[in-house]
mmCIF file of all heavy atoms, coordinates in Angstrom:
data_MODEL
# 
_entry.id   MODEL 
# 
loop_
_atom_site.group_PDB 
_atom_site.id 
_atom_site.type_symbol 
_atom_site.label_atom_id 
_atom_site.label_alt_id 
_atom_site.label_comp_id 
_atom_site.label_asym_id 
_atom_site.label_entity_id 
_atom_site.label_seq_id 
_atom_site.pdbx_PDB_ins_code 
_atom_site.Cartn_x 
_atom_site.Cartn_y 
_atom_site.Cartn_z 
_atom_site.occupancy 
_atom_site.B_iso_or_equiv 
_atom_site.pdbx_formal_charge 
_atom_site.auth_seq_id 
_atom_site.auth_comp_id 
_atom_site.auth_asym_id 
_atom_site.auth_atom_id 
_atom_site.pdbx_PDB_model_num 
ATOM 1   N N   . ARG A 1 1  ? 63.345 -103.979 83.857 1.00 0.00 ? 1  ARG A N   1 
ATOM 2   C CA  . ARG A 1 1  ? 63.512 -103.844 85.302 1.00 0.00 ? 1  ARG A CA  1 
ATOM 3   C C   . ARG A 1 1  ? 62.181 -103.379 85.877 1.00 0.00 ? 1  ARG A C   1 
ATOM 4   O O   . ARG A 1 1  ? 61.612 -102.389 85.431 1.00 0.00 ? 1  ARG A O   1 
ATOM 5   C CB  . ARG A 1 1  ? 64.606 -102.840 85.617 1.00 0.00 ? 1  ARG A CB  1 
ATOM 6   C CG  . ARG A 1 1  ? 64.930 -102.752 87.095 1.00 0.00 ? 1  ARG A CG  1 
ATOM 7   C CD  . ARG A 1 1  ? 66.143 -101.894 87.304 1.00 0.00 ? 1  ARG A CD  1 
ATOM 8   N NE  . ARG A 1 1  ? 67.279 -102.560 86.672 1.00 0.00 ? 1  ARG A NE  1 
ATOM 9   C CZ  . ARG A 1 1  ? 68.309 -103.044 87.339 1.00 0.00 ? 1  ARG A CZ  1 
ATOM 10  N NH1 . ARG A 1 1  ? 68.387 -102.909 88.636 1.00 0.00 ? 1  ARG A NH1 1 
ATOM 11  N NH2 . ARG A 1 1  ? 69.297 -103.635 86.711 1.00 0.00 ? 1  ARG A NH2 1 
ATOM 12  N N   . LEU A 1 2  ? 61.702 -104.127 86.869 1.00 0.00 ? 2  LEU A N   1 
ATOM 13  C CA  . LEU A 1 2  ? 60.442 -103.816 87.534 1.00 0.00 ? 2  LEU A CA  1 
ATOM 14  C C   . LEU A 1 2  ? 60.746 -103.348 88.948 1.00 0.00 ? 2  LEU A C   1 
ATOM 15  O O   . LEU A 1 2  ? 61.481 -104.028 89.677 1.00 0.00 ? 2  LEU A O   1 
ATOM 16  C CB  . LEU A 1 2  ? 59.548 -105.062 87.604 1.00 0.00 ? 2  LEU A CB  1 
ATOM 17  C CG  . LEU A 1 2  ? 59.115 -105.632 86.260 1.00 0.00 ? 2  LEU A CG  1 
ATOM 18  C CD1 . LEU A 1 2  ? 58.663 -107.071 86.412 1.00 0.00 ? 2  LEU A CD1 1 
ATOM 19  C CD2 . LEU A 1 2  ? 58.001 -104.791 85.698 1.00 0.00 ? 2  LEU A CD2 1 
ATOM 20  N N   . PRO A 1 3  ? 60.208 -102.207 89.365 1.00 0.00 ? 3  PRO A N   1 
ATOM 21  C CA  . PRO A 1 3  ? 60.480 -101.739 90.732 1.00 0.00 ? 3  PRO A CA  1 
ATOM 22  C C   . PRO A 1 3  ? 59.769 -102.621 91.752 1.00 0.00 ? 3  PRO A C   1 
ATOM 23  O O   . PRO A 1 3  ? 58.806 -103.313 91.429 1.00 0.00 ? 3  PRO A O   1 
ATOM 24  C CB  . PRO A 1 3  ? 59.896 -100.324 90.728 1.00 0.00 ? 3  PRO A CB  1 
ATOM 25  C CG  . PRO A 1 3  ? 58.811 -100.384 89.718 1.00 0.00 ? 3  PRO A CG  1 
ATOM 26  C CD  . PRO A 1 3  ? 59.293 -101.338 88.647 1.00 0.00 ? 3  PRO A CD  1 
ATOM 27  N N   . LEU A 1 4  ? 60.263 -102.596 92.963 1.00 0.00 ? 4  LEU A N   1 
ATOM 28  C CA  . LEU A 1 4  ? 59.572 -103.291 94.044 1.00 0.00 ? 4  LEU A CA  1 
ATOM 29  C C   . LEU A 1 4  ? 58.247 -102.593 94.264 1.00 0.00 ? 4  LEU A C   1 
ATOM 30  O O   . LEU A 1 4  ? 58.199 -101.386 94.486 1.00 0.00 ? 4  LEU A O   1 
ATOM 31  C CB  . LEU A 1 4  ? 60.401 -103.249 95.327 1.00 0.00 ? 4  LEU A CB  1 
ATOM 32  C CG  . LEU A 1 4  ? 61.767 -103.925 95.260 1.00 0.00 ? 4  LEU A CG  1 
ATOM 33  C CD1 . LEU A 1 4  ? 62.514 -103.728 96.568 1.00 0.00 ? 4  LEU A CD1 1 
ATOM 34  C CD2 . LEU A 1 4  ? 61.630 -105.390 94.943 1.00 0.00 ? 4  LEU A CD2 1 
ATOM 35  N N   . VAL A 1 5  ? 57.171 -103.337 94.152 1.00 0.00 ? 5  VAL A N   1 
ATOM 36  C CA  . VAL A 1 5  ? 55.840 -102.767 94.350 1.00 0.00 ? 5  VAL A CA  1 
ATOM 37  C C   . VAL A 1 5  ? 55.107 -103.611 95.390 1.00 0.00 ? 5  VAL A C   1 
ATOM 38  O O   . VAL A 1 5  ? 55.392 -104.801 95.535 1.00 0.00 ? 5  VAL A O   1 
ATOM 39  C CB  . VAL A 1 5  ? 55.022 -102.727 93.033 1.00 0.00 ? 5  VAL A CB  1 
ATOM 40  C CG1 . VAL A 1 5  ? 55.649 -101.776 92.042 1.00 0.00 ? 5  VAL A CG1 1 
ATOM 41  C CG2 . VAL A 1 5  ? 54.882 -104.105 92.433 1.00 0.00 ? 5  VAL A CG2 1 
ATOM 42  N N   . PRO A 1 6  ? 54.177 -103.012 96.116 1.00 0.00 ? 6  PRO A N   1 
ATOM 43  C CA  . PRO A 1 6  ? 53.423 -103.788 97.100 1.00 0.00 ? 6  PRO A CA  1 
ATOM 44  C C   . PRO A 1 6  ? 52.626 -104.899 96.414 1.00 0.00 ? 6  PRO A C   1 
ATOM 45  O O   . PRO A 1 6  ? 52.220 -104.764 95.263 1.00 0.00 ? 6  PRO A O   1 
ATOM 46  C CB  . PRO A 1 6  ? 52.476 -102.757 97.728 1.00 0.00 ? 6  PRO A CB  1 
ATOM 47  C CG  . PRO A 1 6  ? 53.006 -101.427 97.337 1.00 0.00 ? 6  PRO A CG  1 
ATOM 48  C CD  . PRO A 1 6  ? 53.801 -101.613 96.085 1.00 0.00 ? 6  PRO A CD  1 
ATOM 49  N N   . ALA A 1 7  ? 52.415 -105.993 97.136 1.00 0.00 ? 7  ALA A N   1 
ATOM 50  C CA  . ALA A 1 7  ? 51.625 -107.103 96.603 1.00 0.00 ? 7  ALA A CA  1 
ATOM 51  C C   . ALA A 1 7  ? 50.271 -106.584 96.138 1.00 0.00 ? 7  ALA A C   1 
ATOM 52  O O   . ALA A 1 7  ? 49.628 -105.791 96.811 1.00 0.00 ? 7  ALA A O   1 
ATOM 53  C CB  . ALA A 1 7  ? 51.456 -108.176 97.666 1.00 0.00 ? 7  ALA A CB  1 
ATOM 54  N N   . GLY A 1 8  ? 49.868 -107.007 94.961 1.00 0.00 ? 8  GLY A N   1 
ATOM 55  C CA  . GLY A 1 8  ? 48.582 -106.605 94.409 1.00 0.00 ? 8  GLY A CA  1 
ATOM 56  C C   . GLY A 1 8  ? 48.611 -105.290 93.652 1.00 0.00 ? 8  GLY A C   1 
ATOM 57  O O   . GLY A 1 8  ? 47.618 -104.906 93.044 1.00 0.00 ? 8  GLY A O   1 
ATOM 58  N N   . ALA A 1 9  ? 49.724 -104.565 93.685 1.00 0.00 ? 9  ALA A N   1 
ATOM 59  C CA  . ALA A 1 9  ? 49.812 -103.283 92.965 1.00 0.00 ? 9  ALA A CA  1 
ATOM 60  C C   . ALA A 1 9  ? 49.878 -103.550 91.456 1.00 0.00 ? 9  ALA A C   1 
ATOM 61  O O   . ALA A 1 9  ? 50.376 -104.580 91.015 1.00 0.00 ? 9  ALA A O   1 
ATOM 62  C CB  . ALA A 1 9  ? 51.048 -102.509 93.411 1.00 0.00 ? 9  ALA A CB  1 
ATOM 63  N N   . ALA A 1 10 ? 49.375 -102.610 90.702 1.00 0.00 ? 10 ALA A N   1 
ATOM 64  C CA  . ALA A 1 10 ? 49.400 -102.728 89.246 1.00 0.00 ? 10 ALA A CA  1 
ATOM 65  C C   . ALA A 1 10 ? 50.840 -102.627 88.748 1.00 0.00 ? 10 ALA A C   1 
ATOM 66  O O   . ALA A 1 10 ? 51.625 -101.818 89.234 1.00 0.00 ? 10 ALA A O   1 
ATOM 67  C CB  . ALA A 1 10 ? 48.539 -101.634 88.619 1.00 0.00 ? 10 ALA A CB  1 
ATOM 68  N N   . LEU A 1 11 ? 51.179 -103.465 87.771 1.00 0.00 ? 11 LEU A N   1 
ATOM 69  C CA  . LEU A 1 11 ? 52.524 -103.469 87.208 1.00 0.00 ? 11 LEU A CA  1 
ATOM 70  C C   . LEU A 1 11 ? 52.609 -102.676 85.907 1.00 0.00 ? 11 LEU A C   1 
ATOM 71  O O   . LEU A 1 11 ? 53.697 -102.269 85.500 1.00 0.00 ? 11 LEU A O   1 
ATOM 72  C CB  . LEU A 1 11 ? 52.982 -104.909 86.946 1.00 0.00 ? 11 LEU A CB  1 
ATOM 73  C CG  . LEU A 1 11 ? 53.176 -105.774 88.178 1.00 0.00 ? 11 LEU A CG  1 
ATOM 74  C CD1 . LEU A 1 11 ? 53.408 -107.223 87.775 1.00 0.00 ? 11 LEU A CD1 1 
ATOM 75  C CD2 . LEU A 1 11 ? 54.334 -105.256 88.991 1.00 0.00 ? 11 LEU A CD2 1 
ATOM 76  N N   . ALA A 1 12 ? 51.478 -102.471 85.240 1.00 0.00 ? 12 ALA A N   1 
ATOM 77  C CA  . ALA A 1 12 ? 51.480 -101.782 83.951 1.00 0.00 ? 12 ALA A CA  1 
ATOM 78  C C   . ALA A 1 12 ? 52.083 -100.388 84.093 1.00 0.00 ? 12 ALA A C   1 
ATOM 79  O O   . ALA A 1 12 ? 51.740 -99.629  85.004 1.00 0.00 ? 12 ALA A O   1 
ATOM 80  C CB  . ALA A 1 12 ? 50.067 -101.688 83.391 1.00 0.00 ? 12 ALA A CB  1 
ATOM 81  N N   . GLY A 1 13 ? 53.023 -100.086 83.211 1.00 0.00 ? 13 GLY A N   1 
ATOM 82  C CA  . GLY A 1 13 ? 53.647 -98.774  83.186 1.00 0.00 ? 13 GLY A CA  1 
ATOM 83  C C   . GLY A 1 13 ? 54.735 -98.559  84.218 1.00 0.00 ? 13 GLY A C   1 
ATOM 84  O O   . GLY A 1 13 ? 55.240 -97.447  84.361 1.00 0.00 ? 13 GLY A O   1 
ATOM 85  N N   . THR A 1 14 ? 55.128 -99.604  84.946 1.00 0.00 ? 14 THR A N   1 
ATOM 86  C CA  . THR A 1 14 ? 56.126 -99.426  86.006 1.00 0.00 ? 14 THR A CA  1 
ATOM 87  C C   . THR A 1 14 ? 57.534 -99.849  85.601 1.00 0.00 ? 14 THR A C   1 
ATOM 88  O O   . THR A 1 14 ? 58.499 -99.531  86.289 1.00 0.00 ? 14 THR A O   1 
ATOM 89  C CB  . THR A 1 14 ? 55.749 -100.234 87.265 1.00 0.00 ? 14 THR A CB  1 
ATOM 90  O OG1 . THR A 1 14 ? 55.765 -101.627 86.945 1.00 0.00 ? 14 THR A OG1 1 
ATOM 91  C CG2 . THR A 1 14 ? 54.383 -99.841  87.797 1.00 0.00 ? 14 THR A CG2 1 
ATOM 92  N N   . ALA A 1 15 ? 57.667 -100.581 84.509 1.00 0.00 ? 15 ALA A N   1 
ATOM 93  C CA  . ALA A 1 15 ? 58.962 -101.152 84.135 1.00 0.00 ? 15 ALA A CA  1 
ATOM 94  C C   . ALA A 1 15 ? 59.833 -100.152 83.383 1.00 0.00 ? 15 ALA A C   1 
ATOM 95  O O   . ALA A 1 15 ? 59.352 -99.145  82.864 1.00 0.00 ? 15 ALA A O   1 
ATOM 96  C CB  . ALA A 1 15 ? 58.752 -102.389 83.271 1.00 0.00 ? 15 ALA A CB  1 
ATOM 97  N N   . ARG A 1 16 ? 61.120 -100.496 83.336 1.00 0.00 ? 16 ARG A N   1 
ATOM 98  C CA  . ARG A 1 16 ? 62.091 -99.728  82.554 1.00 0.00 ? 16 ARG A CA  1 
ATOM 99  C C   . ARG A 1 16 ? 62.814 -100.719 81.649 1.00 0.00 ? 16 ARG A C   1 
ATOM 100 O O   . ARG A 1 16 ? 63.249 -101.781 82.105 1.00 0.00 ? 16 ARG A O   1 
ATOM 101 C CB  . ARG A 1 16 ? 63.079 -99.047  83.492 1.00 0.00 ? 16 ARG A CB  1 
ATOM 102 C CG  . ARG A 1 16 ? 64.066 -98.133  82.762 1.00 0.00 ? 16 ARG A CG  1 
ATOM 103 C CD  . ARG A 1 16 ? 64.980 -97.412  83.721 1.00 0.00 ? 16 ARG A CD  1 
ATOM 104 N NE  . ARG A 1 16 ? 65.999 -98.349  84.182 1.00 0.00 ? 16 ARG A NE  1 
ATOM 105 C CZ  . ARG A 1 16 ? 66.546 -98.327  85.372 1.00 0.00 ? 16 ARG A CZ  1 
ATOM 106 N NH1 . ARG A 1 16 ? 66.190 -97.435  86.260 1.00 0.00 ? 16 ARG A NH1 1 
ATOM 107 N NH2 . ARG A 1 16 ? 67.462 -99.206  85.712 1.00 0.00 ? 16 ARG A NH2 1 
ATOM 108 N N   . LEU A 1 17 ? 62.942 -100.368 80.381 1.00 0.00 ? 17 LEU A N   1 
ATOM 109 C CA  . LEU A 1 17 ? 63.646 -101.224 79.434 1.00 0.00 ? 17 LEU A CA  1 
ATOM 110 C C   . LEU A 1 17 ? 65.140 -101.025 79.613 1.00 0.00 ? 17 LEU A C   1 
ATOM 111 O O   . LEU A 1 17 ? 65.656 -99.926  79.423 1.00 0.00 ? 17 LEU A O   1 
ATOM 112 C CB  . LEU A 1 17 ? 63.230 -100.893 77.998 1.00 0.00 ? 17 LEU A CB  1 
ATOM 113 C CG  . LEU A 1 17 ? 63.864 -101.745 76.898 1.00 0.00 ? 17 LEU A CG  1 
ATOM 114 C CD1 . LEU A 1 17 ? 63.454 -103.203 77.007 1.00 0.00 ? 17 LEU A CD1 1 
ATOM 115 C CD2 . LEU A 1 17 ? 63.462 -101.194 75.524 1.00 0.00 ? 17 LEU A CD2 1 
ATOM 116 N N   . GLU A 1 18 ? 65.830 -102.092 80.005 1.00 0.00 ? 18 GLU A N   1 
ATOM 117 C CA  . GLU A 1 18 ? 67.281 -102.034 80.172 1.00 0.00 ? 18 GLU A CA  1 
ATOM 118 C C   . GLU A 1 18 ? 67.973 -102.241 78.827 1.00 0.00 ? 18 GLU A C   1 
ATOM 119 O O   . GLU A 1 18 ? 68.916 -101.553 78.514 1.00 0.00 ? 18 GLU A O   1 
ATOM 120 C CB  . GLU A 1 18 ? 67.756 -103.089 81.168 1.00 0.00 ? 18 GLU A CB  1 
ATOM 121 C CG  . GLU A 1 18 ? 67.307 -102.825 82.586 1.00 0.00 ? 18 GLU A CG  1 
ATOM 122 C CD  . GLU A 1 18 ? 67.935 -101.579 83.173 1.00 0.00 ? 18 GLU A CD  1 
ATOM 123 O OE1 . GLU A 1 18 ? 69.158 -101.389 83.050 1.00 0.00 ? 18 GLU A OE1 1 
ATOM 124 O OE2 . GLU A 1 18 ? 67.186 -100.775 83.772 1.00 0.00 ? 18 GLU A OE2 1 
ATOM 125 N N   . TRP A 1 19 ? 67.501 -103.250 78.070 1.00 0.00 ? 19 TRP A N   1 
ATOM 126 C CA  . TRP A 1 19 ? 68.019 -103.456 76.730 1.00 0.00 ? 19 TRP A CA  1 
ATOM 127 C C   . TRP A 1 19 ? 67.106 -104.374 75.933 1.00 0.00 ? 19 TRP A C   1 
ATOM 128 O O   . TRP A 1 19 ? 66.334 -105.141 76.475 1.00 0.00 ? 19 TRP A O   1 
ATOM 129 C CB  . TRP A 1 19 ? 69.455 -103.949 76.703 1.00 0.00 ? 19 TRP A CB  1 
ATOM 130 C CG  . TRP A 1 19 ? 69.862 -105.042 77.643 1.00 0.00 ? 19 TRP A CG  1 
ATOM 131 C CD1 . TRP A 1 19 ? 70.539 -104.893 78.812 1.00 0.00 ? 19 TRP A CD1 1 
ATOM 132 C CD2 . TRP A 1 19 ? 69.656 -106.454 77.495 1.00 0.00 ? 19 TRP A CD2 1 
ATOM 133 N NE1 . TRP A 1 19 ? 70.749 -106.120 79.391 1.00 0.00 ? 19 TRP A NE1 1 
ATOM 134 C CE2 . TRP A 1 19 ? 70.227 -107.095 78.604 1.00 0.00 ? 19 TRP A CE2 1 
ATOM 135 C CE3 . TRP A 1 19 ? 69.039 -107.237 76.537 1.00 0.00 ? 19 TRP A CE3 1 
ATOM 136 C CZ2 . TRP A 1 19 ? 70.191 -108.469 78.786 1.00 0.00 ? 19 TRP A CZ2 1 
ATOM 137 C CZ3 . TRP A 1 19 ? 69.009 -108.612 76.705 1.00 0.00 ? 19 TRP A CZ3 1 
ATOM 138 C CH2 . TRP A 1 19 ? 69.588 -109.192 77.817 1.00 0.00 ? 19 TRP A CH2 1 
ATOM 139 N N   . LEU A 1 20 ? 67.233 -104.227 74.622 1.00 0.00 ? 20 LEU A N   1 
ATOM 140 C CA  . LEU A 1 20 ? 66.512 -105.039 73.646 1.00 0.00 ? 20 LEU A CA  1 
ATOM 141 C C   . LEU A 1 20 ? 67.545 -105.419 72.602 1.00 0.00 ? 20 LEU A C   1 
ATOM 142 O O   . LEU A 1 20 ? 68.128 -104.540 71.964 1.00 0.00 ? 20 LEU A O   1 
ATOM 143 C CB  . LEU A 1 20 ? 65.367 -104.231 73.025 1.00 0.00 ? 20 LEU A CB  1 
ATOM 144 C CG  . LEU A 1 20 ? 64.553 -104.884 71.921 1.00 0.00 ? 20 LEU A CG  1 
ATOM 145 C CD1 . LEU A 1 20 ? 63.822 -106.124 72.421 1.00 0.00 ? 20 LEU A CD1 1 
ATOM 146 C CD2 . LEU A 1 20 ? 63.535 -103.873 71.367 1.00 0.00 ? 20 LEU A CD2 1 
ATOM 147 N N   . VAL A 1 21 ? 67.819 -106.719 72.462 1.00 0.00 ? 21 VAL A N   1 
ATOM 148 C CA  . VAL A 1 21 ? 68.915 -107.169 71.614 1.00 0.00 ? 21 VAL A CA  1 
ATOM 149 C C   . VAL A 1 21 ? 68.402 -107.959 70.426 1.00 0.00 ? 21 VAL A C   1 
ATOM 150 O O   . VAL A 1 21 ? 67.674 -108.945 70.597 1.00 0.00 ? 21 VAL A O   1 
ATOM 151 C CB  . VAL A 1 21 ? 69.903 -108.048 72.421 1.00 0.00 ? 21 VAL A CB  1 
ATOM 152 C CG1 . VAL A 1 21 ? 71.012 -108.562 71.525 1.00 0.00 ? 21 VAL A CG1 1 
ATOM 153 C CG2 . VAL A 1 21 ? 70.479 -107.270 73.577 1.00 0.00 ? 21 VAL A CG2 1 
ATOM 154 N N   . ARG A 1 22 ? 68.815 -107.530 69.252 1.00 0.00 ? 22 ARG A N   1 
ATOM 155 C CA  . ARG A 1 22 ? 68.576 -108.320 68.043 1.00 0.00 ? 22 ARG A CA  1 
ATOM 156 C C   . ARG A 1 22 ? 69.645 -109.408 68.006 1.00 0.00 ? 22 ARG A C   1 
ATOM 157 O O   . ARG A 1 22 ? 70.817 -109.133 68.269 1.00 0.00 ? 22 ARG A O   1 
ATOM 158 C CB  . ARG A 1 22 ? 68.703 -107.440 66.812 1.00 0.00 ? 22 ARG A CB  1 
ATOM 159 C CG  . ARG A 1 22 ? 67.596 -106.412 66.707 1.00 0.00 ? 22 ARG A CG  1 
ATOM 160 C CD  . ARG A 1 22 ? 67.808 -105.553 65.517 1.00 0.00 ? 22 ARG A CD  1 
ATOM 161 N NE  . ARG A 1 22 ? 67.838 -106.401 64.321 1.00 0.00 ? 22 ARG A NE  1 
ATOM 162 C CZ  . ARG A 1 22 ? 67.497 -105.995 63.118 1.00 0.00 ? 22 ARG A CZ  1 
ATOM 163 N NH1 . ARG A 1 22 ? 67.145 -104.762 62.933 1.00 0.00 ? 22 ARG A NH1 1 
ATOM 164 N NH2 . ARG A 1 22 ? 67.533 -106.821 62.101 1.00 0.00 ? 22 ARG A NH2 1 
ATOM 165 N N   . PRO A 1 23 ? 69.285 -110.629 67.670 1.00 0.00 ? 23 PRO A N   1 
ATOM 166 C CA  . PRO A 1 23 ? 70.262 -111.720 67.679 1.00 0.00 ? 23 PRO A CA  1 
ATOM 167 C C   . PRO A 1 23 ? 71.510 -111.435 66.848 1.00 0.00 ? 23 PRO A C   1 
ATOM 168 O O   . PRO A 1 23 ? 72.608 -111.819 67.250 1.00 0.00 ? 23 PRO A O   1 
ATOM 169 C CB  . PRO A 1 23 ? 69.479 -112.901 67.106 1.00 0.00 ? 23 PRO A CB  1 
ATOM 170 C CG  . PRO A 1 23 ? 68.070 -112.580 67.404 1.00 0.00 ? 23 PRO A CG  1 
ATOM 171 C CD  . PRO A 1 23 ? 67.950 -111.092 67.343 1.00 0.00 ? 23 PRO A CD  1 
ATOM 172 N N   . LYS A 1 24 ? 71.378 -110.753 65.727 1.00 0.00 ? 24 LYS A N   1 
ATOM 173 C CA  . LYS A 1 24 ? 72.543 -110.491 64.876 1.00 0.00 ? 24 LYS A CA  1 
ATOM 174 C C   . LYS A 1 24 ? 73.629 -109.719 65.615 1.00 0.00 ? 24 LYS A C   1 
ATOM 175 O O   . LYS A 1 24 ? 74.806 -109.854 65.304 1.00 0.00 ? 24 LYS A O   1 
ATOM 176 C CB  . LYS A 1 24 ? 72.138 -109.721 63.619 1.00 0.00 ? 24 LYS A CB  1 
ATOM 177 C CG  . LYS A 1 24 ? 71.421 -110.567 62.613 1.00 0.00 ? 24 LYS A CG  1 
ATOM 178 C CD  . LYS A 1 24 ? 71.125 -109.772 61.352 1.00 0.00 ? 24 LYS A CD  1 
ATOM 179 C CE  . LYS A 1 24 ? 70.407 -110.653 60.358 1.00 0.00 ? 24 LYS A CE  1 
ATOM 180 N NZ  . LYS A 1 24 ? 70.121 -109.954 59.111 1.00 0.00 ? 24 LYS A NZ  1 
ATOM 181 N N   . LEU A 1 25 ? 73.252 -108.914 66.593 1.00 0.00 ? 25 LEU A N   1 
ATOM 182 C CA  . LEU A 1 25 ? 74.249 -108.146 67.342 1.00 0.00 ? 25 LEU A CA  1 
ATOM 183 C C   . LEU A 1 25 ? 75.132 -109.041 68.205 1.00 0.00 ? 25 LEU A C   1 
ATOM 184 O O   . LEU A 1 25 ? 76.248 -108.666 68.535 1.00 0.00 ? 25 LEU A O   1 
ATOM 185 C CB  . LEU A 1 25 ? 73.558 -107.112 68.237 1.00 0.00 ? 25 LEU A CB  1 
ATOM 186 C CG  . LEU A 1 25 ? 72.816 -105.994 67.513 1.00 0.00 ? 25 LEU A CG  1 
ATOM 187 C CD1 . LEU A 1 25 ? 72.090 -105.121 68.531 1.00 0.00 ? 25 LEU A CD1 1 
ATOM 188 C CD2 . LEU A 1 25 ? 73.762 -105.174 66.684 1.00 0.00 ? 25 LEU A CD2 1 
ATOM 189 N N   . TRP A 1 26 ? 74.632 -110.206 68.585 1.00 0.00 ? 26 TRP A N   1 
ATOM 190 C CA  . TRP A 1 26 ? 75.367 -111.091 69.468 1.00 0.00 ? 26 TRP A CA  1 
ATOM 191 C C   . TRP A 1 26 ? 75.960 -112.293 68.760 1.00 0.00 ? 26 TRP A C   1 
ATOM 192 O O   . TRP A 1 26 ? 76.612 -113.117 69.376 1.00 0.00 ? 26 TRP A O   1 
ATOM 193 C CB  . TRP A 1 26 ? 74.475 -111.569 70.609 1.00 0.00 ? 26 TRP A CB  1 
ATOM 194 C CG  . TRP A 1 26 ? 74.360 -110.553 71.704 1.00 0.00 ? 26 TRP A CG  1 
ATOM 195 C CD1 . TRP A 1 26 ? 74.800 -109.270 71.685 1.00 0.00 ? 26 TRP A CD1 1 
ATOM 196 C CD2 . TRP A 1 26 ? 73.771 -110.738 72.978 1.00 0.00 ? 26 TRP A CD2 1 
ATOM 197 N NE1 . TRP A 1 26 ? 74.512 -108.658 72.860 1.00 0.00 ? 26 TRP A NE1 1 
ATOM 198 C CE2 . TRP A 1 26 ? 73.881 -109.524 73.667 1.00 0.00 ? 26 TRP A CE2 1 
ATOM 199 C CE3 . TRP A 1 26 ? 73.149 -111.798 73.600 1.00 0.00 ? 26 TRP A CE3 1 
ATOM 200 C CZ2 . TRP A 1 26 ? 73.407 -109.363 74.964 1.00 0.00 ? 26 TRP A CZ2 1 
ATOM 201 C CZ3 . TRP A 1 26 ? 72.671 -111.635 74.868 1.00 0.00 ? 26 TRP A CZ3 1 
ATOM 202 C CH2 . TRP A 1 26 ? 72.794 -110.426 75.550 1.00 0.00 ? 26 TRP A CH2 1 
ATOM 203 N N   . LEU A 1 27 ? 75.731 -112.420 67.470 1.00 0.00 ? 27 LEU A N   1 
ATOM 204 C CA  . LEU A 1 27 ? 76.285 -113.553 66.737 1.00 0.00 ? 27 LEU A CA  1 
ATOM 205 C C   . LEU A 1 27 ? 77.701 -113.268 66.289 1.00 0.00 ? 27 LEU A C   1 
ATOM 206 O O   . LEU A 1 27 ? 78.019 -112.125 65.944 1.00 0.00 ? 27 LEU A O   1 
ATOM 207 C CB  . LEU A 1 27 ? 75.401 -113.882 65.529 1.00 0.00 ? 27 LEU A CB  1 
ATOM 208 C CG  . LEU A 1 27 ? 74.007 -114.402 65.863 1.00 0.00 ? 27 LEU A CG  1 
ATOM 209 C CD1 . LEU A 1 27 ? 73.193 -114.567 64.590 1.00 0.00 ? 27 LEU A CD1 1 
ATOM 210 C CD2 . LEU A 1 27 ? 74.072 -115.710 66.630 1.00 0.00 ? 27 LEU A CD2 1 
ATOM 211 N N   . PRO A 1 28 ? 78.543 -114.283 66.270 1.00 0.00 ? 28 PRO A N   1 
ATOM 212 C CA  . PRO A 1 28 ? 79.916 -114.070 65.799 1.00 0.00 ? 28 PRO A CA  1 
ATOM 213 C C   . PRO A 1 28 ? 79.923 -113.682 64.318 1.00 0.00 ? 28 PRO A C   1 
ATOM 214 O O   . PRO A 1 28 ? 79.062 -114.107 63.561 1.00 0.00 ? 28 PRO A O   1 
ATOM 215 C CB  . PRO A 1 28 ? 80.596 -115.419 66.011 1.00 0.00 ? 28 PRO A CB  1 
ATOM 216 C CG  . PRO A 1 28 ? 79.521 -116.392 66.336 1.00 0.00 ? 28 PRO A CG  1 
ATOM 217 C CD  . PRO A 1 28 ? 78.277 -115.648 66.669 1.00 0.00 ? 28 PRO A CD  1 
# 
């Protein structure tokens, strides 16, 4: 998730990890 930032603002360090999924977790 990236916050709304003004045009041209730096994006590095602004995001938040919502989830990281290994494929095995979603396989039947």
